[in-house]
Every structure is written in C-alpha cells, then in structure tokens.
Amino acid sequence: MYLTKEIKKEIFSKYGKSENDTGSPEAQIALFTYRINHLNEHLKTHKHDYRTQRALLKLVGKRKKLLRYLKQRDIERYRKIIKELNLRK
C-alpha cells in the first residue's frame, strides 16, 4: 500500500501542528498533494484507468477548495503551504 501510517504521520507532523493534527488545512492539502502525485505516476503507466482518473479529479477539486478556504482565511499560511509544496509558479 502506498499510503501507510508512517507516511501519514510524517506528513501530518511536517505540515500540521503535530502528528495527530489531521484536521488543519495545511495537513490535508499536503496529504492530498501526496495522493495526487501518486495517482499521476499510476496514470502515466495505465492510461485507460478511468476510475483512477476520476478519483484524481475529485482529489484535485478537494485540494482546490481547501486552498481557496485557506487563502480567504489566512493569506500568510496559504503562501507558506504553496511555497513548501511547490504548487504554483
């Protein structure tokens, strides 16, 4: 399995307030980004896997909504997470 407990703890401890902080927007955005990158690699080899393609689009939409929320609430946190994850420009 590509997403183990250890990987989740690492992501949450790095981007959240602690390794148990699963609810902060930064932690969720980081987790979605990890999953999106994994699905992109999968789709490079399996071009006709349409279920995975749909799941990827749903994840991108969820991440986009969280980024929009974070941008409206706290622009500094938004800029920090964008810079750390290399999501924009």
N, C-alpha and C. Protein backbone atom coordinates (compact mmCIF):
# COMPACT_ATOMS: atom_id res chain seq x y z
N MET A 1 0.84 -1.18 0.00
CA MET A 1 0.00 0.00 0.00
C MET A 1 0.89 1.24 0.00
N TYR A 2 0.53 2.22 -0.76
CA TYR A 2 1.38 3.38 -0.94
C TYR A 2 1.27 4.39 0.20
N LEU A 3 0.17 4.39 0.94
CA LEU A 3 -0.05 5.36 1.99
C LEU A 3 -0.16 4.64 3.33
N THR A 4 0.96 4.50 4.01
CA THR A 4 1.00 3.79 5.28
C THR A 4 0.81 4.77 6.43
N LYS A 5 0.66 4.22 7.63
CA LYS A 5 0.51 5.05 8.83
C LYS A 5 1.74 5.92 9.04
N GLU A 6 2.90 5.37 8.75
CA GLU A 6 4.14 6.12 8.96
C GLU A 6 4.23 7.32 8.03
N ILE A 7 3.82 7.13 6.79
CA ILE A 7 3.85 8.24 5.83
C ILE A 7 2.86 9.32 6.24
N LYS A 8 1.68 8.91 6.69
CA LYS A 8 0.69 9.88 7.15
C LYS A 8 1.21 10.66 8.35
N LYS A 9 1.80 9.95 9.32
CA LYS A 9 2.34 10.63 10.50
C LYS A 9 3.42 11.63 10.11
N GLU A 10 4.26 11.23 9.15
CA GLU A 10 5.33 12.12 8.69
C GLU A 10 4.74 13.38 8.04
N ILE A 11 3.75 13.21 7.20
CA ILE A 11 3.11 14.35 6.53
C ILE A 11 2.44 15.25 7.55
N PHE A 12 1.69 14.66 8.50
CA PHE A 12 0.98 15.47 9.48
C PHE A 12 1.94 16.16 10.44
N SER A 13 3.03 15.51 10.80
CA SER A 13 3.98 16.17 11.70
C SER A 13 4.73 17.29 11.00
N LYS A 14 4.97 17.14 9.70
CA LYS A 14 5.71 18.16 8.96
C LYS A 14 4.84 19.38 8.64
N TYR A 15 3.60 19.15 8.22
CA TYR A 15 2.75 20.25 7.77
C TYR A 15 1.68 20.65 8.78
N GLY A 16 1.33 19.79 9.70
CA GLY A 16 0.34 20.13 10.71
C GLY A 16 1.03 20.64 11.97
N LYS A 17 0.25 20.82 13.01
CA LYS A 17 0.81 21.30 14.28
C LYS A 17 1.50 20.17 15.04
N SER A 18 1.01 18.94 14.86
CA SER A 18 1.62 17.76 15.46
C SER A 18 1.30 16.57 14.57
N GLU A 19 1.78 15.40 14.95
CA GLU A 19 1.50 14.23 14.11
C GLU A 19 0.06 13.76 14.26
N ASN A 20 -0.63 14.24 15.29
CA ASN A 20 -2.04 13.90 15.47
C ASN A 20 -2.97 14.95 14.89
N ASP A 21 -2.43 16.01 14.34
CA ASP A 21 -3.22 17.10 13.77
C ASP A 21 -3.60 16.75 12.33
N THR A 22 -4.75 16.10 12.19
CA THR A 22 -5.18 15.68 10.85
C THR A 22 -6.19 16.63 10.25
N GLY A 23 -6.65 17.62 11.03
CA GLY A 23 -7.73 18.46 10.57
C GLY A 23 -7.32 19.80 10.01
N SER A 24 -6.07 20.20 10.21
CA SER A 24 -5.68 21.52 9.72
C SER A 24 -5.63 21.52 8.20
N PRO A 25 -5.97 22.65 7.59
CA PRO A 25 -5.98 22.70 6.13
C PRO A 25 -4.61 22.38 5.51
N GLU A 26 -3.54 22.82 6.17
CA GLU A 26 -2.20 22.56 5.63
C GLU A 26 -1.91 21.06 5.57
N ALA A 27 -2.28 20.34 6.63
CA ALA A 27 -2.04 18.90 6.67
C ALA A 27 -2.87 18.18 5.61
N GLN A 28 -4.12 18.59 5.45
CA GLN A 28 -4.98 17.96 4.46
C GLN A 28 -4.50 18.26 3.04
N ILE A 29 -4.06 19.48 2.79
CA ILE A 29 -3.55 19.84 1.47
C ILE A 29 -2.30 19.03 1.16
N ALA A 30 -1.42 18.87 2.15
CA ALA A 30 -0.20 18.09 1.93
C ALA A 30 -0.52 16.63 1.64
N LEU A 31 -1.50 16.08 2.37
CA LEU A 31 -1.90 14.69 2.14
C LEU A 31 -2.52 14.52 0.75
N PHE A 32 -3.39 15.44 0.36
CA PHE A 32 -3.98 15.39 -0.98
C PHE A 32 -2.91 15.50 -2.05
N THR A 33 -1.93 16.35 -1.84
CA THR A 33 -0.85 16.53 -2.81
C THR A 33 -0.05 15.23 -2.96
N TYR A 34 0.23 14.56 -1.85
CA TYR A 34 0.94 13.28 -1.90
C TYR A 34 0.13 12.26 -2.71
N ARG A 35 -1.17 12.19 -2.44
CA ARG A 35 -2.03 11.24 -3.14
C ARG A 35 -2.14 11.59 -4.63
N ILE A 36 -2.25 12.87 -4.94
CA ILE A 36 -2.34 13.32 -6.33
C ILE A 36 -1.08 12.94 -7.10
N ASN A 37 0.08 13.15 -6.49
CA ASN A 37 1.34 12.79 -7.14
C ASN A 37 1.42 11.29 -7.40
N HIS A 38 0.94 10.49 -6.44
CA HIS A 38 0.96 9.04 -6.61
C HIS A 38 0.04 8.61 -7.76
N LEU A 39 -1.16 9.20 -7.81
CA LEU A 39 -2.10 8.84 -8.87
C LEU A 39 -1.59 9.29 -10.24
N ASN A 40 -0.90 10.42 -10.30
CA ASN A 40 -0.31 10.86 -11.55
C ASN A 40 0.70 9.85 -12.08
N GLU A 41 1.54 9.32 -11.18
CA GLU A 41 2.51 8.31 -11.59
C GLU A 41 1.80 7.05 -12.07
N HIS A 42 0.74 6.67 -11.40
CA HIS A 42 -0.02 5.48 -11.80
C HIS A 42 -0.63 5.67 -13.19
N LEU A 43 -1.16 6.86 -13.45
CA LEU A 43 -1.82 7.11 -14.73
C LEU A 43 -0.83 7.22 -15.89
N LYS A 44 0.43 7.47 -15.60
CA LYS A 44 1.43 7.51 -16.67
C LYS A 44 1.62 6.12 -17.29
N THR A 45 1.47 5.09 -16.47
CA THR A 45 1.64 3.73 -16.99
C THR A 45 0.32 3.09 -17.38
N HIS A 46 -0.78 3.50 -16.75
CA HIS A 46 -2.10 2.92 -17.03
C HIS A 46 -3.01 4.03 -17.54
N LYS A 47 -2.88 4.35 -18.80
CA LYS A 47 -3.56 5.49 -19.39
C LYS A 47 -5.08 5.35 -19.44
N HIS A 48 -5.59 4.13 -19.48
CA HIS A 48 -7.03 3.93 -19.64
C HIS A 48 -7.72 3.53 -18.33
N ASP A 49 -7.10 3.84 -17.21
CA ASP A 49 -7.71 3.57 -15.91
C ASP A 49 -8.60 4.76 -15.54
N TYR A 50 -9.83 4.70 -15.97
CA TYR A 50 -10.72 5.85 -15.85
C TYR A 50 -11.21 6.07 -14.42
N ARG A 51 -11.29 5.01 -13.64
CA ARG A 51 -11.69 5.18 -12.23
C ARG A 51 -10.63 5.96 -11.46
N THR A 52 -9.39 5.65 -11.72
CA THR A 52 -8.31 6.39 -11.08
C THR A 52 -8.29 7.83 -11.57
N GLN A 53 -8.58 8.02 -12.83
CA GLN A 53 -8.62 9.37 -13.39
C GLN A 53 -9.71 10.20 -12.71
N ARG A 54 -10.86 9.60 -12.48
CA ARG A 54 -11.95 10.30 -11.80
C ARG A 54 -11.58 10.60 -10.35
N ALA A 55 -10.95 9.65 -9.69
CA ALA A 55 -10.51 9.88 -8.30
C ALA A 55 -9.50 11.01 -8.24
N LEU A 56 -8.62 11.07 -9.23
CA LEU A 56 -7.63 12.14 -9.29
C LEU A 56 -8.31 13.50 -9.43
N LEU A 57 -9.29 13.58 -10.30
CA LEU A 57 -10.00 14.85 -10.49
C LEU A 57 -10.75 15.27 -9.22
N LYS A 58 -11.32 14.31 -8.50
CA LYS A 58 -12.00 14.63 -7.26
C LYS A 58 -11.02 15.15 -6.22
N LEU A 59 -9.84 14.54 -6.13
CA LEU A 59 -8.83 15.00 -5.18
C LEU A 59 -8.34 16.40 -5.52
N VAL A 60 -8.14 16.67 -6.80
CA VAL A 60 -7.70 18.00 -7.22
C VAL A 60 -8.76 19.03 -6.83
N GLY A 61 -10.02 18.69 -7.00
CA GLY A 61 -11.09 19.59 -6.62
C GLY A 61 -11.13 19.86 -5.12
N LYS A 62 -10.94 18.81 -4.32
CA LYS A 62 -10.93 18.98 -2.87
C LYS A 62 -9.76 19.86 -2.44
N ARG A 63 -8.60 19.62 -3.04
CA ARG A 63 -7.42 20.43 -2.69
C ARG A 63 -7.64 21.88 -3.08
N LYS A 64 -8.26 22.09 -4.24
CA LYS A 64 -8.53 23.45 -4.70
C LYS A 64 -9.46 24.19 -3.74
N LYS A 65 -10.50 23.49 -3.25
CA LYS A 65 -11.41 24.10 -2.29
C LYS A 65 -10.71 24.45 -0.99
N LEU A 66 -9.86 23.56 -0.51
CA LEU A 66 -9.12 23.84 0.73
C LEU A 66 -8.16 25.00 0.55
N LEU A 67 -7.52 25.07 -0.61
CA LEU A 67 -6.61 26.18 -0.87
C LEU A 67 -7.38 27.50 -0.92
N ARG A 68 -8.54 27.49 -1.53
CA ARG A 68 -9.37 28.70 -1.59
C ARG A 68 -9.79 29.13 -0.18
N TYR A 69 -10.19 28.16 0.64
CA TYR A 69 -10.57 28.43 2.02
C TYR A 69 -9.40 29.06 2.78
N LEU A 70 -8.23 28.46 2.65
CA LEU A 70 -7.06 28.95 3.38
C LEU A 70 -6.66 30.33 2.90
N LYS A 71 -6.80 30.58 1.61
CA LYS A 71 -6.46 31.90 1.06
C LYS A 71 -7.39 32.97 1.61
N GLN A 72 -8.66 32.65 1.77
CA GLN A 72 -9.61 33.62 2.31
C GLN A 72 -9.41 33.86 3.80
N ARG A 73 -9.03 32.83 4.54
CA ARG A 73 -8.90 32.93 6.00
C ARG A 73 -7.57 33.53 6.43
N ASP A 74 -6.46 33.02 5.86
CA ASP A 74 -5.13 33.47 6.30
C ASP A 74 -4.18 33.39 5.12
N ILE A 75 -3.90 34.53 4.51
CA ILE A 75 -3.10 34.56 3.29
C ILE A 75 -1.65 34.14 3.55
N GLU A 76 -1.13 34.40 4.74
CA GLU A 76 0.25 34.02 5.05
C GLU A 76 0.42 32.49 5.12
N ARG A 77 -0.53 31.82 5.75
CA ARG A 77 -0.48 30.35 5.79
C ARG A 77 -0.63 29.77 4.40
N TYR A 78 -1.47 30.40 3.57
CA TYR A 78 -1.66 29.98 2.18
C TYR A 78 -0.34 30.08 1.42
N ARG A 79 0.31 31.22 1.53
CA ARG A 79 1.58 31.43 0.82
C ARG A 79 2.65 30.45 1.29
N LYS A 80 2.66 30.16 2.59
CA LYS A 80 3.65 29.23 3.14
C LYS A 80 3.46 27.82 2.58
N ILE A 81 2.21 27.34 2.56
CA ILE A 81 1.96 25.97 2.08
C ILE A 81 2.20 25.87 0.58
N ILE A 82 1.88 26.92 -0.16
CA ILE A 82 2.13 26.93 -1.61
C ILE A 82 3.63 26.83 -1.88
N LYS A 83 4.39 27.58 -1.10
CA LYS A 83 5.85 27.59 -1.29
C LYS A 83 6.46 26.23 -0.92
N GLU A 84 6.01 25.65 0.20
CA GLU A 84 6.57 24.38 0.66
C GLU A 84 6.26 23.23 -0.28
N LEU A 85 5.07 23.22 -0.85
CA LEU A 85 4.66 22.11 -1.72
C LEU A 85 4.92 22.36 -3.20
N ASN A 86 5.39 23.56 -3.53
CA ASN A 86 5.66 23.93 -4.94
C ASN A 86 4.43 23.73 -5.81
N LEU A 87 3.30 24.29 -5.39
CA LEU A 87 2.06 24.10 -6.13
C LEU A 87 1.85 25.13 -7.23
N ARG A 88 2.35 26.32 -7.04
CA ARG A 88 2.13 27.37 -8.01
C ARG A 88 3.48 27.89 -8.48
N LYS A 89 3.45 28.47 -9.65
CA LYS A 89 4.57 29.15 -10.28
C LYS A 89 5.91 28.91 -9.65
